[in-house]
Amino acid sequence: MRHEARVVLHDAITAAARVAEVMRNITEEEFVEDWKLRAIVERQYMVIGEALGRLRKDHVVLARGIHFVDELIDFRNVLAHAYDRVDPRLVFALTHSRLHELQKNLQATLDGL
């Protein structure tokens, strides 16, 4: 089944916005100590990775324009299959160093369709 690019991009954008909302004003220590918060954020990163995986499979050229698309898909796989190796400090760092750029990139890609 071929997934529509607009739909999967919208899903990724929505998930990224949820991460940004939940992580607003959260310190690294708060994130590390709060399993519920980590579960929410990790789930949204799984949605982002799954959506981008579908985009890469069905719309190869479009997916190439997404910054670090392969890393996000790989991250989704780690969250799903190697959950015991996930370092919450790295999730926190990823969120604070790359999420905003990802959001802008995803929105620009959607706007370009």
N, C-alpha and C. Protein backbone atom coordinates (compact mmCIF):
# COMPACT_ATOMS: atom_id res chain seq x y z
N MET A 1 0.83 -1.17 0.00
CA MET A 1 0.00 0.00 0.00
C MET A 1 0.89 1.25 0.00
N ARG A 2 0.65 2.12 -0.91
CA ARG A 2 1.40 3.37 -1.03
C ARG A 2 0.78 4.42 -0.11
N HIS A 3 1.62 5.06 0.68
CA HIS A 3 1.15 6.08 1.61
C HIS A 3 1.26 7.46 0.97
N GLU A 4 0.24 8.27 1.16
CA GLU A 4 0.23 9.61 0.60
C GLU A 4 1.23 10.49 1.35
N ALA A 5 2.04 11.20 0.60
CA ALA A 5 3.10 12.03 1.19
C ALA A 5 2.54 13.07 2.16
N ARG A 6 1.47 13.72 1.79
CA ARG A 6 0.88 14.74 2.67
C ARG A 6 0.47 14.16 4.02
N VAL A 7 -0.07 12.98 4.01
CA VAL A 7 -0.55 12.35 5.24
C VAL A 7 0.61 12.01 6.16
N VAL A 8 1.64 11.36 5.63
CA VAL A 8 2.75 10.97 6.50
C VAL A 8 3.53 12.19 6.98
N LEU A 9 3.65 13.21 6.14
CA LEU A 9 4.31 14.44 6.59
C LEU A 9 3.50 15.12 7.69
N HIS A 10 2.20 15.13 7.53
CA HIS A 10 1.33 15.71 8.57
C HIS A 10 1.48 14.93 9.88
N ASP A 11 1.53 13.62 9.79
CA ASP A 11 1.71 12.81 10.99
C ASP A 11 3.04 13.14 11.69
N ALA A 12 4.10 13.26 10.91
CA ALA A 12 5.41 13.59 11.48
C ALA A 12 5.41 14.99 12.09
N ILE A 13 4.80 15.94 11.41
CA ILE A 13 4.71 17.31 11.92
C ILE A 13 3.93 17.36 13.22
N THR A 14 2.82 16.65 13.27
CA THR A 14 2.00 16.62 14.48
C THR A 14 2.77 16.00 15.64
N ALA A 15 3.46 14.90 15.39
CA ALA A 15 4.24 14.25 16.45
C ALA A 15 5.37 15.15 16.94
N ALA A 16 6.04 15.83 16.02
CA ALA A 16 7.12 16.74 16.41
C ALA A 16 6.57 17.90 17.25
N ALA A 17 5.41 18.40 16.89
CA ALA A 17 4.79 19.48 17.67
C ALA A 17 4.42 19.00 19.07
N ARG A 18 4.00 17.76 19.18
CA ARG A 18 3.68 17.20 20.50
C ARG A 18 4.93 17.09 21.36
N VAL A 19 6.04 16.67 20.76
CA VAL A 19 7.30 16.61 21.51
C VAL A 19 7.67 18.00 21.99
N ALA A 20 7.60 18.98 21.10
CA ALA A 20 7.95 20.36 21.47
C ALA A 20 7.06 20.86 22.60
N GLU A 21 5.78 20.57 22.53
CA GLU A 21 4.84 21.01 23.57
C GLU A 21 5.16 20.38 24.92
N VAL A 22 5.37 19.10 24.93
CA VAL A 22 5.63 18.38 26.18
C VAL A 22 6.97 18.76 26.78
N MET A 23 7.95 19.05 25.93
CA MET A 23 9.30 19.32 26.42
C MET A 23 9.55 20.80 26.76
N ARG A 24 8.57 21.64 26.49
CA ARG A 24 8.73 23.06 26.79
C ARG A 24 8.98 23.24 28.28
N ASN A 25 10.08 23.90 28.61
CA ASN A 25 10.44 24.23 30.00
C ASN A 25 10.77 23.02 30.87
N ILE A 26 11.11 21.89 30.26
CA ILE A 26 11.50 20.69 31.00
C ILE A 26 13.02 20.62 31.05
N THR A 27 13.55 20.41 32.23
CA THR A 27 15.00 20.26 32.37
C THR A 27 15.40 18.82 32.04
N GLU A 28 16.69 18.65 31.81
CA GLU A 28 17.20 17.31 31.54
C GLU A 28 16.91 16.37 32.71
N GLU A 29 17.13 16.83 33.91
CA GLU A 29 16.90 15.99 35.09
C GLU A 29 15.42 15.62 35.22
N GLU A 30 14.54 16.57 34.97
CA GLU A 30 13.10 16.26 35.02
C GLU A 30 12.76 15.19 33.99
N PHE A 31 13.33 15.32 32.80
CA PHE A 31 13.07 14.34 31.75
C PHE A 31 13.59 12.96 32.14
N VAL A 32 14.80 12.91 32.63
CA VAL A 32 15.41 11.62 33.00
C VAL A 32 14.62 10.94 34.11
N GLU A 33 14.12 11.70 35.05
CA GLU A 33 13.42 11.13 36.22
C GLU A 33 11.96 10.79 35.98
N ASP A 34 11.36 11.29 34.92
CA ASP A 34 9.91 11.12 34.71
C ASP A 34 9.65 10.11 33.60
N TRP A 35 9.36 8.87 33.98
CA TRP A 35 9.16 7.81 32.98
C TRP A 35 7.95 8.10 32.09
N LYS A 36 6.92 8.75 32.63
CA LYS A 36 5.74 9.04 31.82
C LYS A 36 6.07 10.05 30.72
N LEU A 37 6.82 11.04 31.07
CA LEU A 37 7.25 12.04 30.09
C LEU A 37 8.12 11.40 29.01
N ARG A 38 9.06 10.56 29.43
CA ARG A 38 9.91 9.86 28.46
C ARG A 38 9.06 8.98 27.54
N ALA A 39 8.06 8.32 28.09
CA ALA A 39 7.21 7.45 27.27
C ALA A 39 6.45 8.25 26.21
N ILE A 40 5.96 9.40 26.59
CA ILE A 40 5.25 10.25 25.63
C ILE A 40 6.19 10.68 24.51
N VAL A 41 7.34 11.19 24.88
CA VAL A 41 8.30 11.70 23.89
C VAL A 41 8.79 10.57 22.99
N GLU A 42 9.15 9.45 23.58
CA GLU A 42 9.64 8.32 22.78
C GLU A 42 8.57 7.83 21.81
N ARG A 43 7.33 7.79 22.24
CA ARG A 43 6.24 7.37 21.36
C ARG A 43 6.10 8.32 20.17
N GLN A 44 6.23 9.60 20.41
CA GLN A 44 6.12 10.57 19.32
C GLN A 44 7.30 10.45 18.35
N TYR A 45 8.49 10.16 18.88
CA TYR A 45 9.62 9.93 17.99
C TYR A 45 9.42 8.64 17.17
N MET A 46 8.74 7.67 17.74
CA MET A 46 8.42 6.46 16.98
C MET A 46 7.48 6.79 15.83
N VAL A 47 6.50 7.64 16.09
CA VAL A 47 5.57 8.07 15.02
C VAL A 47 6.34 8.80 13.94
N ILE A 48 7.23 9.72 14.33
CA ILE A 48 8.04 10.45 13.35
C ILE A 48 8.85 9.47 12.51
N GLY A 49 9.54 8.54 13.15
CA GLY A 49 10.36 7.58 12.42
C GLY A 49 9.55 6.69 11.51
N GLU A 50 8.40 6.25 11.97
CA GLU A 50 7.53 5.40 11.14
C GLU A 50 7.01 6.18 9.93
N ALA A 51 6.58 7.41 10.17
CA ALA A 51 6.09 8.24 9.06
C ALA A 51 7.19 8.48 8.03
N LEU A 52 8.39 8.79 8.52
CA LEU A 52 9.49 9.03 7.59
C LEU A 52 9.91 7.76 6.87
N GLY A 53 9.79 6.61 7.54
CA GLY A 53 10.05 5.33 6.88
C GLY A 53 9.08 5.09 5.73
N ARG A 54 7.83 5.43 5.96
CA ARG A 54 6.84 5.29 4.89
C ARG A 54 7.13 6.25 3.76
N LEU A 55 7.53 7.48 4.13
CA LEU A 55 7.86 8.47 3.11
C LEU A 55 9.05 8.00 2.28
N ARG A 56 10.08 7.49 2.94
CA ARG A 56 11.27 7.02 2.23
C ARG A 56 10.94 5.85 1.31
N LYS A 57 10.04 4.98 1.74
CA LYS A 57 9.67 3.82 0.93
C LYS A 57 8.85 4.23 -0.29
N ASP A 58 7.91 5.13 -0.10
CA ASP A 58 6.95 5.45 -1.16
C ASP A 58 7.28 6.71 -1.95
N HIS A 59 8.13 7.57 -1.40
CA HIS A 59 8.45 8.86 -2.04
C HIS A 59 9.94 9.15 -1.82
N VAL A 60 10.78 8.35 -2.45
CA VAL A 60 12.22 8.36 -2.21
C VAL A 60 12.83 9.74 -2.39
N VAL A 61 12.53 10.39 -3.47
CA VAL A 61 13.13 11.70 -3.76
C VAL A 61 12.71 12.72 -2.71
N LEU A 62 11.46 12.71 -2.36
CA LEU A 62 10.95 13.64 -1.34
C LEU A 62 11.63 13.39 0.01
N ALA A 63 11.79 12.13 0.36
CA ALA A 63 12.41 11.78 1.65
C ALA A 63 13.86 12.24 1.72
N ARG A 64 14.55 12.25 0.60
CA ARG A 64 15.95 12.69 0.59
C ARG A 64 16.09 14.14 1.04
N GLY A 65 15.02 14.92 0.93
CA GLY A 65 15.06 16.31 1.34
C GLY A 65 14.87 16.54 2.82
N ILE A 66 14.55 15.48 3.55
CA ILE A 66 14.35 15.59 5.00
C ILE A 66 15.70 15.41 5.68
N HIS A 67 16.07 16.39 6.48
CA HIS A 67 17.35 16.31 7.19
C HIS A 67 17.39 15.10 8.11
N PHE A 68 18.49 14.40 8.12
CA PHE A 68 18.75 13.21 8.94
C PHE A 68 17.59 12.21 8.95
N VAL A 69 16.99 11.98 7.78
CA VAL A 69 15.86 11.06 7.68
C VAL A 69 16.28 9.64 8.08
N ASP A 70 17.43 9.19 7.62
CA ASP A 70 17.87 7.83 7.94
C ASP A 70 18.10 7.65 9.43
N GLU A 71 18.68 8.67 10.08
CA GLU A 71 18.94 8.59 11.51
C GLU A 71 17.63 8.54 12.31
N LEU A 72 16.63 9.28 11.87
CA LEU A 72 15.34 9.26 12.58
C LEU A 72 14.63 7.92 12.42
N ILE A 73 14.74 7.34 11.25
CA ILE A 73 14.15 6.01 11.04
C ILE A 73 14.89 4.98 11.89
N ASP A 74 16.22 5.07 11.93
CA ASP A 74 17.00 4.17 12.77
C ASP A 74 16.64 4.36 14.25
N PHE A 75 16.45 5.61 14.65
CA PHE A 75 16.10 5.91 16.04
C PHE A 75 14.76 5.27 16.39
N ARG A 76 13.82 5.32 15.47
CA ARG A 76 12.53 4.66 15.70
C ARG A 76 12.72 3.16 15.94
N ASN A 77 13.61 2.56 15.18
CA ASN A 77 13.86 1.13 15.32
C ASN A 77 14.51 0.81 16.66
N VAL A 78 15.40 1.66 17.11
CA VAL A 78 16.00 1.46 18.44
C VAL A 78 14.92 1.57 19.51
N LEU A 79 14.08 2.58 19.42
CA LEU A 79 13.01 2.75 20.41
C LEU A 79 12.08 1.54 20.44
N ALA A 80 11.81 0.98 19.28
CA ALA A 80 10.88 -0.14 19.20
C ALA A 80 11.51 -1.48 19.56
N HIS A 81 12.77 -1.67 19.19
CA HIS A 81 13.37 -3.00 19.31
C HIS A 81 14.53 -3.11 20.29
N ALA A 82 15.11 -1.98 20.65
CA ALA A 82 16.25 -2.00 21.58
C ALA A 82 16.01 -0.98 22.68
N TYR A 83 14.77 -0.96 23.15
CA TYR A 83 14.33 0.03 24.14
C TYR A 83 15.20 0.05 25.39
N ASP A 84 15.82 -1.07 25.71
CA ASP A 84 16.65 -1.16 26.92
C ASP A 84 17.99 -0.43 26.76
N ARG A 85 18.30 -0.01 25.54
CA ARG A 85 19.56 0.70 25.30
C ARG A 85 19.35 2.19 25.10
N VAL A 86 18.13 2.67 25.26
CA VAL A 86 17.83 4.09 25.04
C VAL A 86 18.31 4.89 26.24
N ASP A 87 19.15 5.87 25.97
CA ASP A 87 19.65 6.78 27.01
C ASP A 87 18.77 8.03 27.01
N PRO A 88 18.02 8.27 28.09
CA PRO A 88 17.13 9.43 28.10
C PRO A 88 17.86 10.76 27.92
N ARG A 89 19.12 10.82 28.32
CA ARG A 89 19.88 12.06 28.14
C ARG A 89 20.14 12.33 26.65
N LEU A 90 20.30 11.27 25.88
CA LEU A 90 20.47 11.45 24.44
C LEU A 90 19.16 11.87 23.77
N VAL A 91 18.05 11.33 24.25
CA VAL A 91 16.74 11.74 23.73
C VAL A 91 16.52 13.22 24.02
N PHE A 92 16.85 13.63 25.23
CA PHE A 92 16.72 15.03 25.62
C PHE A 92 17.62 15.89 24.73
N ALA A 93 18.86 15.49 24.54
CA ALA A 93 19.79 16.26 23.71
C ALA A 93 19.31 16.35 22.27
N LEU A 94 18.82 15.25 21.72
CA LEU A 94 18.29 15.24 20.37
C LEU A 94 17.15 16.24 20.25
N THR A 95 16.28 16.24 21.22
CA THR A 95 15.13 17.13 21.20
C THR A 95 15.58 18.59 21.20
N HIS A 96 16.53 18.91 22.02
CA HIS A 96 16.94 20.30 22.14
C HIS A 96 17.90 20.76 21.05
N SER A 97 18.54 19.82 20.35
CA SER A 97 19.48 20.23 19.32
C SER A 97 18.91 20.15 17.91
N ARG A 98 17.91 19.29 17.69
CA ARG A 98 17.47 19.06 16.31
C ARG A 98 15.98 19.18 16.05
N LEU A 99 15.17 19.19 17.08
CA LEU A 99 13.72 19.15 16.86
C LEU A 99 13.23 20.37 16.09
N HIS A 100 13.67 21.55 16.47
CA HIS A 100 13.19 22.76 15.79
C HIS A 100 13.56 22.74 14.31
N GLU A 101 14.78 22.35 14.01
CA GLU A 101 15.21 22.24 12.62
C GLU A 101 14.36 21.22 11.87
N LEU A 102 14.10 20.09 12.51
CA LEU A 102 13.26 19.06 11.89
C LEU A 102 11.86 19.60 11.61
N GLN A 103 11.29 20.30 12.56
CA GLN A 103 9.95 20.85 12.36
C GLN A 103 9.91 21.79 11.15
N LYS A 104 10.88 22.67 11.05
CA LYS A 104 10.94 23.60 9.92
C LYS A 104 11.11 22.85 8.61
N ASN A 105 11.96 21.84 8.60
CA ASN A 105 12.22 21.06 7.40
C ASN A 105 10.98 20.29 6.95
N LEU A 106 10.30 19.66 7.91
CA LEU A 106 9.09 18.92 7.57
C LEU A 106 8.01 19.85 7.01
N GLN A 107 7.83 21.00 7.66
CA GLN A 107 6.80 21.94 7.21
C GLN A 107 7.13 22.48 5.83
N ALA A 108 8.40 22.80 5.58
CA ALA A 108 8.80 23.28 4.26
C ALA A 108 8.56 22.22 3.18
N THR A 109 8.82 20.98 3.53
CA THR A 109 8.59 19.88 2.59
C THR A 109 7.10 19.75 2.27
N LEU A 110 6.27 19.82 3.31
CA LEU A 110 4.82 19.74 3.09
C LEU A 110 4.34 20.94 2.27
N ASP A 111 4.82 22.12 2.62
CA ASP A 111 4.40 23.33 1.89
C ASP A 111 4.81 23.28 0.42
N GLY A 112 5.88 22.55 0.12
CA GLY A 112 6.35 22.44 -1.26
C GLY A 112 5.57 21.48 -2.13
N LEU A 113 4.66 20.75 -1.53
CA LEU A 113 3.87 19.78 -2.33
C LEU A 113 2.75 20.46 -3.10
